[in-house]
Protein backbone atom coordinates (compact mmCIF):
# COMPACT_ATOMS: atom_id res chain seq x y z
CA MET A 1 4.53 -0.79 -11.97
CA GLU A 2 5.41 -2.87 -8.92
CA ILE A 3 3.17 -5.72 -7.84
CA ILE A 4 3.63 -7.45 -4.50
CA VAL A 5 1.79 -10.59 -3.44
CA LEU A 6 1.50 -10.68 0.33
CA GLY A 7 1.29 -14.10 1.92
CA THR A 8 2.86 -16.46 4.39
CA GLY A 9 3.50 -19.29 1.97
CA CYS A 10 0.09 -20.93 2.22
CA PRO A 11 -1.34 -22.72 -0.84
CA ASN A 12 -3.72 -19.83 -1.62
CA CYS A 13 -0.83 -17.36 -1.46
CA LYS A 14 1.23 -19.49 -3.84
CA THR A 15 -1.71 -19.81 -6.23
CA THR A 16 -2.21 -16.05 -6.19
CA TYR A 17 1.46 -15.42 -6.94
CA ASP A 18 1.40 -17.92 -9.81
CA ARG A 19 -1.74 -16.35 -11.29
CA VAL A 20 -0.30 -12.85 -11.12
CA ALA A 21 2.91 -14.07 -12.77
CA LYS A 22 0.87 -15.73 -15.53
CA VAL A 23 -1.16 -12.58 -16.20
CA ILE A 24 2.01 -10.49 -16.37
CA ALA A 25 3.52 -12.93 -18.88
CA ASP A 26 0.32 -13.31 -20.92
CA THR A 27 -0.17 -9.55 -21.24
CA ASN A 28 3.50 -8.76 -21.91
CA SER A 29 3.42 -6.38 -18.97
CA THR A 30 6.60 -4.67 -17.83
CA ALA A 31 5.45 -4.84 -14.20
CA THR A 32 7.82 -6.19 -11.60
CA LEU A 33 6.53 -8.91 -9.30
CA ARG A 34 7.70 -10.01 -5.92
CA LYS A 35 6.28 -11.84 -2.97
CA GLU A 36 6.42 -10.69 0.61
CA GLU A 37 6.27 -13.40 3.26
CA ASP A 38 7.69 -11.44 6.22
CA ILE A 39 4.79 -10.94 8.62
CA LEU A 40 6.36 -7.74 9.98
CA GLU A 41 6.26 -6.25 6.48
CA ILE A 42 2.78 -7.60 5.75
CA VAL A 43 1.24 -5.93 8.83
CA LYS A 44 2.39 -2.55 7.52
CA TYR A 45 -0.37 -2.85 4.90
CA ASN A 46 -3.01 -3.09 7.67
CA ILE A 47 -4.72 -6.17 6.29
CA MET A 48 -6.06 -9.05 8.32
CA SER A 49 -6.60 -11.73 5.70
CA LEU A 50 -4.29 -13.17 3.09
CA PRO A 51 -3.43 -13.47 0.28
CA ALA A 52 -3.31 -9.87 -0.88
CA VAL A 53 -2.17 -8.13 -4.05
CA VAL A 54 -0.54 -4.71 -3.78
CA VAL A 55 -0.10 -2.56 -6.89
CA ASP A 56 2.21 0.44 -6.60
CA GLY A 57 1.78 0.53 -2.83
CA GLU A 58 -2.02 0.23 -2.82
CA VAL A 59 -3.82 -2.93 -1.66
CA LYS A 60 -6.09 -3.93 -4.55
CA ILE A 61 -7.15 -7.46 -3.59
CA LYS A 62 -7.23 -9.09 -0.17
CA GLY A 63 -8.53 -12.19 1.52
CA TYR A 64 -9.12 -14.49 -1.45
CA VAL A 65 -7.50 -15.97 -4.54
CA PRO A 66 -8.38 -13.67 -7.44
CA THR A 67 -9.26 -14.89 -10.91
CA GLU A 68 -6.97 -14.04 -13.81
CA GLU A 69 -9.61 -11.60 -15.05
CA GLU A 70 -9.67 -9.76 -11.72
CA ILE A 71 -5.88 -9.52 -11.78
CA LYS A 72 -5.97 -8.09 -15.31
CA GLN A 73 -8.43 -5.42 -14.18
CA VAL A 74 -6.27 -4.22 -11.30
CA ILE A 75 -2.98 -4.13 -13.19
CA ASN A 76 -4.29 -2.44 -16.34
């Protein structure tokens, strides 16, 4: 599973990335995590508000900082 956090480096984007990383570690997931800050790449996902969480190419969360529980639901 590949998880990408889309964001431009804003505090909410950083918080989202940190929460996703924590959930991956806490659940012993084998998912890979990366962040995408290149706006030209971000627009390919056709979203207008950040941060966003993409799981295996599908936007699962967008426009707000998700809770750890929400992250668990979308990656399990």
